[in-house]
Protein backbone atom coordinates (compact mmCIF):
# COMPACT_ATOMS: atom_id res chain seq x y z
CA MET A 1 119.63 134.10 47.97
CA VAL A 2 123.39 134.39 48.13
CA SER A 3 124.93 137.81 47.45
CA THR A 4 127.02 137.84 44.30
CA TRP A 5 129.30 140.15 42.39
CA LEU A 6 128.01 140.56 38.85
CA LYS A 7 129.75 141.87 35.77
CA ALA A 8 126.94 143.35 33.77
CA THR A 9 126.99 141.99 30.23
CA VAL A 10 123.71 140.94 28.59
CA THR A 11 124.03 137.32 27.43
CA GLY A 12 120.56 136.91 25.96
CA VAL A 13 117.46 138.82 24.88
CA ALA A 14 115.22 140.14 27.64
CA THR A 15 111.80 138.52 27.47
CA SER A 16 109.98 140.55 30.06
CA VAL A 17 110.11 144.07 31.43
CA ALA A 18 109.03 145.10 34.90
CA PHE A 19 107.86 148.68 35.35
CA ALA A 20 107.97 150.48 38.67
CA ALA A 21 107.27 154.05 39.71
CA CYS A 22 107.97 155.93 42.88
CA SER A 23 107.80 159.48 44.10
CA ARG A 24 109.34 161.44 46.91
CA ASP A 25 109.03 164.89 48.36
CA LEU A 26 111.62 167.32 47.07
CA PRO A 27 113.37 169.71 49.45
CA THR A 28 111.91 173.20 49.29
CA SER A 29 114.02 175.15 51.75
CA ALA A 30 116.52 177.71 50.47
CA HIS A 31 119.29 175.83 52.29
CA ALA A 32 118.46 172.54 50.52
CA THR A 33 118.32 174.29 47.16
CA GLU A 34 121.72 175.88 47.66
CA ALA A 35 123.28 172.59 48.81
CA LEU A 36 122.06 170.55 45.85
CA SER A 37 122.46 173.10 43.04
CA PRO A 38 125.35 172.34 40.67
CA ALA A 39 128.37 174.61 40.73
CA GLN A 40 129.46 174.18 37.09
CA PRO A 41 127.76 175.67 34.00
CA VAL A 42 127.69 172.44 31.96
CA VAL A 43 124.73 171.25 34.06
CA SER A 44 121.88 173.73 34.33
CA SER A 45 119.20 173.78 37.02
CA SER A 46 116.39 175.40 35.07
CA VAL A 47 113.95 172.49 35.44
CA THR A 48 113.81 172.46 39.22
CA PRO A 49 115.57 174.57 41.81
CA ALA A 50 116.25 171.53 44.00
CA LEU A 51 117.88 168.96 41.69
CA PRO A 52 120.38 169.34 38.83
CA ASP A 53 119.41 169.15 35.17
CA PHE A 54 121.75 166.86 33.19
CA THR A 55 120.35 167.60 29.71
CA ALA A 56 123.25 169.83 28.60
CA LEU A 57 125.80 167.24 29.69
CA VAL A 58 124.01 164.40 27.90
CA GLU A 59 123.53 166.43 24.71
CA GLN A 60 127.21 167.38 24.60
CA TYR A 61 128.86 164.06 25.49
CA GLY A 62 126.15 161.46 24.91
CA PRO A 63 127.10 161.04 21.20
CA ALA A 64 130.51 159.69 22.28
CA VAL A 65 128.87 156.76 24.12
CA VAL A 66 128.45 153.61 22.00
CA ASN A 67 126.68 150.28 22.16
CA VAL A 68 128.96 147.23 21.94
CA THR A 69 127.50 143.99 20.55
CA VAL A 70 129.54 140.79 20.79
CA VAL A 71 129.25 137.47 18.98
CA GLY A 72 131.22 134.73 20.68
CA LYS A 73 132.77 131.57 19.30
CA ARG A 74 130.39 128.71 18.56
CA GLN A 75 131.10 125.62 20.67
CA GLU A 76 130.31 122.07 19.60
CA LEU A 77 128.59 119.66 21.94
CA PRO A 78 130.40 116.44 22.84
CA GLU A 79 129.91 113.60 20.35
CA PHE A 80 126.60 111.83 20.91
CA SER A 81 126.86 108.17 21.92
CA PHE A 82 124.22 105.45 21.81
CA PRO A 83 123.78 102.91 24.60
CA PRO A 84 125.05 99.36 23.93
CA GLY A 85 122.67 97.37 21.67
CA ASP A 86 120.78 100.43 20.45
CA PRO A 87 119.67 99.79 16.80
CA PHE A 88 120.37 103.37 15.74
CA GLY A 89 123.90 103.10 17.04
CA GLU A 90 124.40 99.88 15.08
CA PHE A 91 123.10 101.63 11.94
CA PHE A 92 125.61 104.46 12.20
CA ARG A 93 128.48 102.07 12.87
CA ARG A 94 127.56 99.62 10.09
CA PHE A 95 127.30 102.21 7.33
CA GLY A 96 130.31 104.22 8.47
CA GLN A 97 128.30 107.34 9.16
CA PRO A 98 129.65 109.82 11.71
CA LEU A 99 127.66 110.03 14.88
CA PRO A 100 125.43 113.12 15.02
CA ARG A 101 126.89 116.11 16.83
CA GLY A 102 125.07 119.14 18.11
CA GLN A 103 126.19 122.72 18.57
CA MET A 104 125.66 125.17 21.36
CA PRO A 105 123.82 128.37 20.43
CA VAL A 106 126.17 131.15 19.39
CA PRO A 107 126.91 133.19 22.54
CA ARG A 108 125.92 136.81 22.18
CA GLY A 109 126.27 139.76 24.49
CA GLN A 110 125.87 143.49 24.79
CA GLY A 111 127.70 146.18 26.66
CA SER A 112 128.67 149.80 26.40
CA GLY A 113 131.75 151.84 25.61
CA PHE A 114 132.88 155.38 24.89
CA ILE A 115 135.08 157.03 22.26
CA VAL A 116 138.33 158.53 23.60
CA SER A 117 139.95 159.68 20.32
CA PRO A 118 138.54 161.11 17.06
CA ASP A 119 140.25 158.33 15.06
CA GLY A 120 138.23 155.57 16.73
CA TYR A 121 139.81 154.29 19.94
CA ILE A 122 137.13 153.11 22.38
CA LEU A 123 137.29 152.07 26.04
CA THR A 124 135.07 149.34 27.47
CA ASN A 125 135.26 146.47 29.97
CA ALA A 126 137.42 143.42 29.34
CA HIS A 127 134.60 141.07 30.34
CA VAL A 128 132.35 142.60 27.66
CA VAL A 129 134.60 141.50 24.77
CA ALA A 130 136.42 138.52 26.27
CA ASN A 131 136.31 135.44 23.96
CA ALA A 132 134.60 137.49 21.25
CA GLU A 133 134.78 136.40 17.61
CA GLU A 134 133.04 139.50 16.30
CA VAL A 135 132.56 142.92 17.91
CA THR A 136 130.19 145.54 16.49
CA VAL A 137 130.06 149.14 17.69
CA LYS A 138 126.95 151.23 17.11
CA THR A 139 126.92 155.00 17.59
CA ILE A 140 124.02 157.18 18.68
CA ASP A 141 123.18 158.02 15.03
CA ARG A 142 122.82 154.25 14.32
CA ARG A 143 126.00 153.89 12.29
CA GLU A 144 127.66 150.51 12.83
CA TYR A 145 131.34 149.59 12.71
CA THR A 146 133.21 146.34 13.02
CA ALA A 147 135.66 146.81 15.89
CA LYS A 148 139.11 145.33 16.39
CA ILE A 149 140.13 144.34 19.92
CA VAL A 150 143.44 146.16 20.46
CA GLY A 151 143.94 144.46 23.80
CA LEU A 152 142.31 143.68 27.11
CA ASP A 153 143.46 143.45 30.70
CA GLU A 154 141.40 141.16 32.90
CA LYS A 155 143.06 142.31 36.15
CA THR A 156 141.62 145.81 35.79
CA ASP A 157 138.67 144.79 33.56
CA VAL A 158 139.69 147.29 30.87
CA ALA A 159 139.68 146.72 27.10
CA VAL A 160 140.57 148.92 24.13
CA LEU A 161 138.70 148.69 20.80
CA LYS A 162 139.48 150.38 17.47
CA ILE A 163 137.11 151.26 14.65
CA GLU A 164 138.03 152.73 11.28
CA ALA A 165 136.53 156.22 11.35
CA THR A 166 137.52 159.86 11.64
CA ASN A 167 136.19 163.03 13.27
CA LEU A 168 134.30 161.07 15.88
CA PRO A 169 132.82 162.76 18.98
CA THR A 170 134.88 162.12 22.11
CA VAL A 171 134.48 162.38 25.85
CA LYS A 172 136.49 164.62 28.16
CA ILE A 173 138.67 162.86 30.73
CA GLY A 174 138.48 163.93 34.38
CA ASP A 175 140.45 163.36 37.58
CA PRO A 176 138.86 160.69 39.79
CA SER A 177 141.14 161.61 42.70
CA LYS A 178 139.05 164.77 43.15
CA LEU A 179 135.77 162.87 43.58
CA LYS A 180 134.09 163.18 46.94
CA PRO A 181 131.29 161.10 48.50
CA GLY A 182 127.96 162.85 47.97
CA GLU A 183 128.95 164.32 44.60
CA TRP A 184 126.47 163.94 41.72
CA VAL A 185 127.43 161.59 38.87
CA ILE A 186 125.62 160.04 35.89
CA ALA A 187 126.00 156.91 33.78
CA ILE A 188 125.17 156.50 30.10
CA GLY A 189 124.94 153.02 28.59
CA SER A 190 122.76 150.23 27.24
CA PRO A 191 121.13 148.40 30.18
CA PHE A 192 119.31 145.30 28.90
CA GLY A 193 119.92 146.61 25.36
CA PHE A 194 118.13 149.94 25.89
CA GLU A 195 120.73 152.09 24.16
CA ASN A 196 121.83 155.49 25.44
CA SER A 197 119.98 155.23 28.74
CA VAL A 198 120.90 157.89 31.30
CA THR A 199 120.85 157.24 35.05
CA ALA A 200 121.97 159.51 37.86
CA GLY A 201 123.06 159.26 41.48
CA ILE A 202 125.85 160.20 43.83
CA VAL A 203 129.30 158.94 44.72
CA SER A 204 128.86 156.59 47.67
CA ALA A 205 132.56 156.00 48.37
CA THR A 206 135.96 156.13 46.70
CA ALA A 207 138.93 153.75 46.80
CA ARG A 208 136.69 150.75 47.38
CA SER A 209 138.27 147.28 47.15
CA MET A 210 136.37 144.24 45.94
CA PRO A 211 136.29 141.14 48.19
CA SER A 212 138.04 138.81 45.75
CA GLY A 213 140.69 136.19 46.36
CA GLU A 214 142.99 137.61 43.71
CA THR A 215 145.39 140.51 44.01
CA ASN A 216 143.33 143.66 43.57
CA TYR A 217 144.96 146.27 41.33
CA THR A 218 141.93 148.56 41.26
CA GLN A 219 140.34 150.79 43.88
CA PHE A 220 136.77 151.21 42.59
CA ILE A 221 134.44 154.19 42.71
CA GLN A 222 131.22 153.16 44.46
CA THR A 223 128.01 154.93 43.46
CA ASP A 224 124.26 154.48 43.77
CA VAL A 225 123.76 155.17 40.06
CA ALA A 226 121.42 152.56 38.53
CA VAL A 227 123.68 150.15 36.60
CA ASN A 228 122.32 146.94 35.09
CA PRO A 229 123.46 144.22 32.66
CA GLY A 230 124.49 146.05 29.48
CA ASN A 231 125.82 149.14 31.30
CA SER A 232 129.24 147.49 31.60
CA GLY A 233 131.94 149.48 29.84
CA GLY A 234 129.94 152.72 29.78
CA PRO A 235 131.22 156.02 31.18
CA LEU A 236 130.61 157.55 34.59
CA PHE A 237 130.46 161.36 34.30
CA ASN A 238 130.94 164.02 36.96
CA MET A 239 129.00 167.29 36.99
CA ARG A 240 131.61 168.98 34.76
CA GLY A 241 130.92 166.50 31.97
CA GLU A 242 134.20 164.65 32.54
CA VAL A 243 134.51 160.87 32.52
CA VAL A 244 135.81 159.74 35.90
CA GLY A 245 135.22 155.99 35.61
CA ILE A 246 134.10 152.96 33.61
CA ASN A 247 131.00 151.25 35.01
CA SER A 248 132.07 147.68 35.67
CA GLN A 249 130.31 145.76 38.45
CA ILE A 250 127.24 145.65 40.65
CA TYR A 251 126.57 143.92 43.94
CA SER A 252 123.25 142.14 43.86
CA ARG A 253 121.22 139.37 45.47
CA THR A 254 118.73 139.33 42.60
CA GLY A 255 120.86 139.76 39.47
CA GLY A 256 119.72 143.37 39.06
CA TYR A 257 120.57 146.77 40.47
CA MET A 258 120.31 147.09 44.25
CA GLY A 259 121.97 150.46 44.85
CA LEU A 260 125.61 149.32 44.78
CA SER A 261 127.50 150.06 41.56
CA PHE A 262 131.26 150.12 41.00
CA ALA A 263 133.36 151.89 38.37
CA VAL A 264 137.03 151.54 37.39
CA PRO A 265 138.72 154.95 37.90
CA ILE A 266 139.54 156.51 34.52
CA ASP A 267 143.18 157.14 35.43
CA VAL A 268 143.65 153.39 35.93
CA ALA A 269 141.93 152.72 32.61
CA ASN A 270 144.06 155.31 30.79
CA HIS A 271 147.26 153.78 32.13
CA VAL A 272 146.14 150.39 30.81
CA LYS A 273 144.98 151.89 27.50
CA GLU A 274 148.32 153.52 26.76
CA GLN A 275 150.20 150.28 27.33
CA LEU A 276 147.77 148.17 25.30
CA ILE A 277 147.97 150.54 22.34
CA LYS A 278 151.75 150.78 22.51
CA THR A 279 152.77 147.19 23.32
CA GLY A 280 149.61 145.09 23.35
CA LYS A 281 150.16 144.08 26.98
CA VAL A 282 150.24 145.58 30.46
CA THR A 283 153.47 145.57 32.47
CA ARG A 284 153.21 145.57 36.25
CA SER A 285 155.74 145.66 39.06
CA ARG A 286 156.12 143.91 42.39
CA ILE A 287 158.40 144.16 45.43
CA GLY A 288 157.84 140.66 46.84
CA VAL A 289 156.08 141.27 50.15
CA THR A 290 152.88 140.02 51.76
CA ILE A 291 150.85 142.71 53.49
CA GLN A 292 147.74 143.04 55.64
CA ASP A 293 145.60 145.80 57.11
CA VAL A 294 146.49 147.45 60.40
CA ASN A 295 143.53 147.26 62.77
CA ALA A 296 143.18 149.09 66.07
CA GLN A 297 144.84 146.33 68.08
CA LEU A 298 147.81 146.03 65.72
CA ALA A 299 148.21 149.81 65.68
CA GLU A 300 148.39 149.79 69.48
CA SER A 301 150.90 146.95 69.55
CA PHE A 302 153.23 148.73 67.10
CA GLY A 303 152.86 152.13 68.74
CA LEU A 304 151.02 153.84 65.86
CA ASP A 305 148.81 156.83 66.59
CA ARG A 306 145.89 155.22 64.72
CA PRO A 307 145.15 152.27 62.41
CA ARG A 308 146.82 153.11 59.09
CA GLY A 309 149.35 151.82 56.62
CA ALA A 310 150.07 148.32 55.32
CA LEU A 311 151.66 145.82 57.69
CA VAL A 312 154.36 143.64 56.10
CA SER A 313 153.79 140.06 57.24
CA MET A 314 156.29 138.32 54.94
CA VAL A 315 159.22 139.33 52.71
CA GLU A 316 160.36 137.02 49.92
CA GLU A 317 164.02 136.18 50.14
CA GLY A 318 165.99 137.95 47.40
CA ALA A 319 163.00 140.01 46.26
CA PRO A 320 163.22 143.82 45.88
CA GLY A 321 161.67 144.36 49.31
CA ASP A 322 164.28 142.12 50.90
CA LYS A 323 167.11 143.91 49.09
CA ALA A 324 165.74 147.27 50.22
CA GLY A 325 165.76 146.16 53.87
CA LEU A 326 162.05 145.61 54.45
CA LYS A 327 161.27 143.25 57.32
CA ALA A 328 158.19 141.47 58.62
CA GLY A 329 156.64 143.85 61.14
CA ASP A 330 157.35 147.00 59.14
CA VAL A 331 154.32 149.18 58.40
CA ILE A 332 154.35 150.96 55.03
CA LEU A 333 153.05 154.47 55.67
CA SER A 334 153.58 156.06 52.25
CA ILE A 335 154.85 155.29 48.74
CA ASP A 336 156.52 158.14 46.83
CA GLY A 337 154.68 160.59 49.08
CA VAL A 338 151.24 158.96 48.68
CA GLU A 339 149.90 158.17 52.14
CA ILE A 340 148.75 154.58 52.66
CA ASP A 341 145.59 154.26 54.70
CA THR A 342 144.75 150.62 53.93
CA SER A 343 146.79 147.73 52.55
CA SER A 344 144.54 147.46 49.48
CA GLN A 345 146.13 150.63 48.09
CA VAL A 346 149.61 149.13 47.86
CA PRO A 347 149.28 146.53 45.03
CA GLY A 348 147.88 149.05 42.55
CA ILE A 349 150.44 151.74 43.39
CA ILE A 350 153.41 149.40 43.18
CA ALA A 351 152.05 147.69 40.05
CA ASN A 352 152.05 151.00 38.18
CA LYS A 353 155.67 151.79 39.02
CA LYS A 354 158.23 151.28 36.26
CA PRO A 355 160.34 148.15 36.83
CA GLY A 356 163.80 149.12 38.03
CA SER A 357 162.79 152.64 39.09
CA ASN A 358 163.57 154.03 42.55
CA VAL A 359 160.48 154.04 44.77
CA LYS A 360 160.59 155.82 48.12
CA LEU A 361 158.91 154.07 51.04
CA GLU A 362 158.16 155.57 54.42
CA ILE A 363 157.91 152.77 56.96
CA TRP A 364 157.22 152.47 60.69
CA ARG A 365 159.69 150.31 62.63
CA ASP A 366 160.52 150.14 66.34
CA GLY A 367 158.25 153.06 67.14
CA LYS A 368 159.63 155.54 64.62
CA SER A 369 159.46 156.47 60.95
CA ARG A 370 162.21 155.46 58.50
CA GLN A 371 162.89 155.93 54.80
CA LEU A 372 163.75 153.11 52.37
CA THR A 373 164.25 152.93 48.62
CA VAL A 374 163.02 149.88 46.75
CA ARG A 375 163.42 149.00 43.06
CA PRO A 376 160.42 146.96 41.85
CA VAL A 377 160.74 144.18 39.27
CA GLU A 378 158.29 143.19 36.56
CA ILE A 379 155.62 140.65 37.41
CA GLU A 380 155.98 137.51 35.33
CA GLU A 381 152.46 136.43 34.47
CA ASP A 382 152.13 133.20 33.99
CA GLY A 383 150.56 121.39 54.69
CA GLN A 384 149.03 120.64 57.71
CA ARG A 385 151.63 120.32 60.48
CA VAL A 386 151.09 117.73 63.21
CA ALA A 387 152.59 118.31 66.66
CA SER A 388 153.29 115.74 69.29
CA THR A 389 152.18 116.33 72.85
CA GLY A 390 154.25 118.66 74.98
CA ALA A 391 154.13 120.53 78.23
CA LYS A 392 152.73 124.00 78.58
CA SER A 393 155.42 126.62 79.07
CA ASP A 394 155.05 129.17 81.83
CA ALA A 395 156.28 131.85 79.41
CA ALA A 396 153.20 131.42 77.19
CA LYS A 397 150.55 131.11 79.92
CA GLN A 398 149.53 134.74 79.69
CA LEU A 399 148.91 134.36 75.99
CA GLY A 400 147.17 131.01 76.36
CA LEU A 401 149.66 129.04 74.25
CA THR A 402 151.12 125.59 74.63
CA LEU A 403 154.34 125.54 72.60
CA ARG A 404 157.19 123.19 71.79
CA GLN A 405 160.40 123.30 69.77
CA LEU A 406 160.31 122.01 66.20
CA THR A 407 162.72 119.25 65.24
CA PRO A 408 165.13 119.87 62.33
CA ASP A 409 163.14 117.48 60.14
CA GLU A 410 159.89 119.28 60.95
CA LYS A 411 161.46 122.65 60.13
CA LYS A 412 162.67 121.32 56.80
CA GLN A 413 159.29 119.84 55.97
CA ALA A 414 157.46 123.03 56.94
CA LYS A 415 160.02 125.22 55.10
CA THR A 416 160.19 127.58 58.04
CA GLU A 417 162.75 129.61 59.96
CA GLY A 418 160.62 129.42 63.10
CA ASN A 419 161.36 127.16 66.05
CA LEU A 420 158.14 127.27 68.10
CA ILE A 421 154.97 125.43 67.13
CA VAL A 422 151.57 125.88 68.79
CA GLN A 423 150.20 122.61 70.19
CA ARG A 424 147.18 123.86 72.10
CA VAL A 425 145.64 127.28 72.41
CA ASP A 426 143.13 128.89 74.74
CA GLY A 427 142.47 132.20 76.43
CA PRO A 428 143.46 135.44 74.63
CA ALA A 429 145.33 133.68 71.81
CA ALA A 430 142.34 131.45 71.00
CA ALA A 431 140.03 134.46 70.99
CA ALA A 432 142.40 136.25 68.60
CA GLY A 433 142.43 133.35 66.13
CA VAL A 434 145.71 131.55 66.80
CA ARG A 435 145.41 127.86 65.85
CA PRO A 436 147.22 124.65 66.76
CA GLY A 437 149.91 124.03 64.14
CA ASP A 438 150.76 127.73 63.77
CA ILE A 439 154.49 128.43 63.96
CA ILE A 440 155.46 131.47 66.02
CA LEU A 441 158.01 133.60 64.14
CA GLY A 442 158.01 136.89 66.01
CA VAL A 443 156.44 139.18 68.57
CA ASN A 444 155.79 142.87 67.87
CA GLY A 445 158.17 142.79 64.92
CA SER A 446 161.02 141.07 66.77
CA PRO A 447 161.93 137.52 65.68
CA VAL A 448 161.79 134.87 68.41
CA LYS A 449 163.58 131.50 68.36
CA SER A 450 162.84 130.30 71.88
CA VAL A 451 160.35 130.62 74.69
CA ASP A 452 162.75 132.92 76.54
CA GLU A 453 162.94 135.26 73.56
CA LEU A 454 159.16 135.22 73.30
CA ARG A 455 158.90 136.16 76.98
CA GLU A 456 161.34 139.07 76.60
CA ALA A 457 159.69 140.36 73.42
CA ALA A 458 156.25 140.26 75.04
CA LYS A 459 157.54 142.31 77.99
CA LYS A 460 158.56 145.12 75.62
CA ARG A 461 155.05 145.68 74.31
CA LYS A 462 153.77 149.27 74.33
CA GLY A 463 150.22 148.43 75.45
CA LYS A 464 147.95 145.52 76.22
CA VAL A 465 148.22 144.07 72.72
CA VAL A 466 150.88 141.65 71.50
CA ALA A 467 151.26 141.18 67.74
CA LEU A 468 152.24 137.59 67.01
CA LEU A 469 153.78 136.84 63.62
CA VAL A 470 152.80 133.28 62.74
CA GLN A 471 153.38 130.99 59.78
CA ARG A 472 150.29 129.12 58.65
CA ASN A 473 150.12 126.93 55.53
CA HIS A 474 153.23 128.55 54.02
CA ALA A 475 151.85 132.07 54.57
CA GLN A 476 152.77 134.60 57.24
CA ILE A 477 150.24 136.78 59.06
CA PHE A 478 150.20 139.04 62.10
CA ILE A 479 147.60 138.22 64.74
CA PRO A 480 146.95 140.83 67.48
CA VAL A 481 146.39 139.23 70.89
CA ARG A 482 144.91 141.40 73.64
CA LEU A 483 146.19 140.31 77.03
CA GLU A 484 143.83 140.09 79.95
């Protein structure tokens, strides 16, 4: 089977239930007991000295967790047509009767949510209530409310609901930045419609990015808490009884839980919630740059002490990054004092900055750190190059490149500022992933317009790795080439 990312909303009624049981030896040493015992009073350890007891947490905050039932919009089937000469078709046409039409079954789904204010604001996942015609919220005491969708944000998978009620139980909001791998957490939700189910596990990782093709504005919390269809939108609690995330996705080859669950950090959800309640939409910012991760080879080529930061591979002309002085080859090390370890951190941080505000960037350029100020702007939602044969240049032999100069017409067609196109590739460049048709724009952060400039830039490298900036299909990327 192919591995898939699943957003866990029940779309039908379960017809079978599989039961499984397992046991394992519990640690009995004093050291194991001390390591696993909870440090906060909200979770007692009276049941067993080795594992925490979550009963106090569930009793206190479980009533704030709700079941969300969704009825979608009914969709009509396409008009039925009879084959030519069919007598039934002739009957309908002769007597002016409309052709029979069918209807799809009404789509239904279930998910979870949790109450964040006594007057009825509820957080859940956007995919739980997307395209809903009717949303019903049921509390732990079996009261039911018709919910209004205040707003939803598909990019972070967060939605806000509102029910008309007062003095409702609420959850306590925590700080997901303090989570550490190995820390105990629990989920409460309605997997497969089994309301108020409690599952427990540990934090597997923090700041985890999903492998999607779209810009990722969320760094997920990864856990091994059992999360299944219907858990979506439910809270993830830490040991202090604080909500640190919204359970959103699982990674599975079977359609069910396989030990990989992902939650949207609650600070991200709160930022979205405040904007949806206030304006009904989410405003995000951009600085107009394309970035990529810094691997070990790129770090060596740019003189960094270790792989870190976000490497700028392209800067849009006239964009905030361009106006601030950012250049291809710069490595963003921090944003407003927040250290950048991987490039996936940058979109979410920049997106949450207020458009027009001053944002401080620490960048790495020419072997030293520099400071820049950029003013983000609001995000407005809404070819193959063929080279003729040419001779191999001595200047590119060490890299394994056969290059030639682009003609003015080719440059115009390719919309490029580069002059050198790759005709053939072998050796180190081929092993690194350089392809025929790539246009060489720079070496180690320095722009190159000719073979001579390429030769001189390559000589100035700080190690055995040369970072080539290439244009490929209207995108710019850095490719580290290790010289033999």
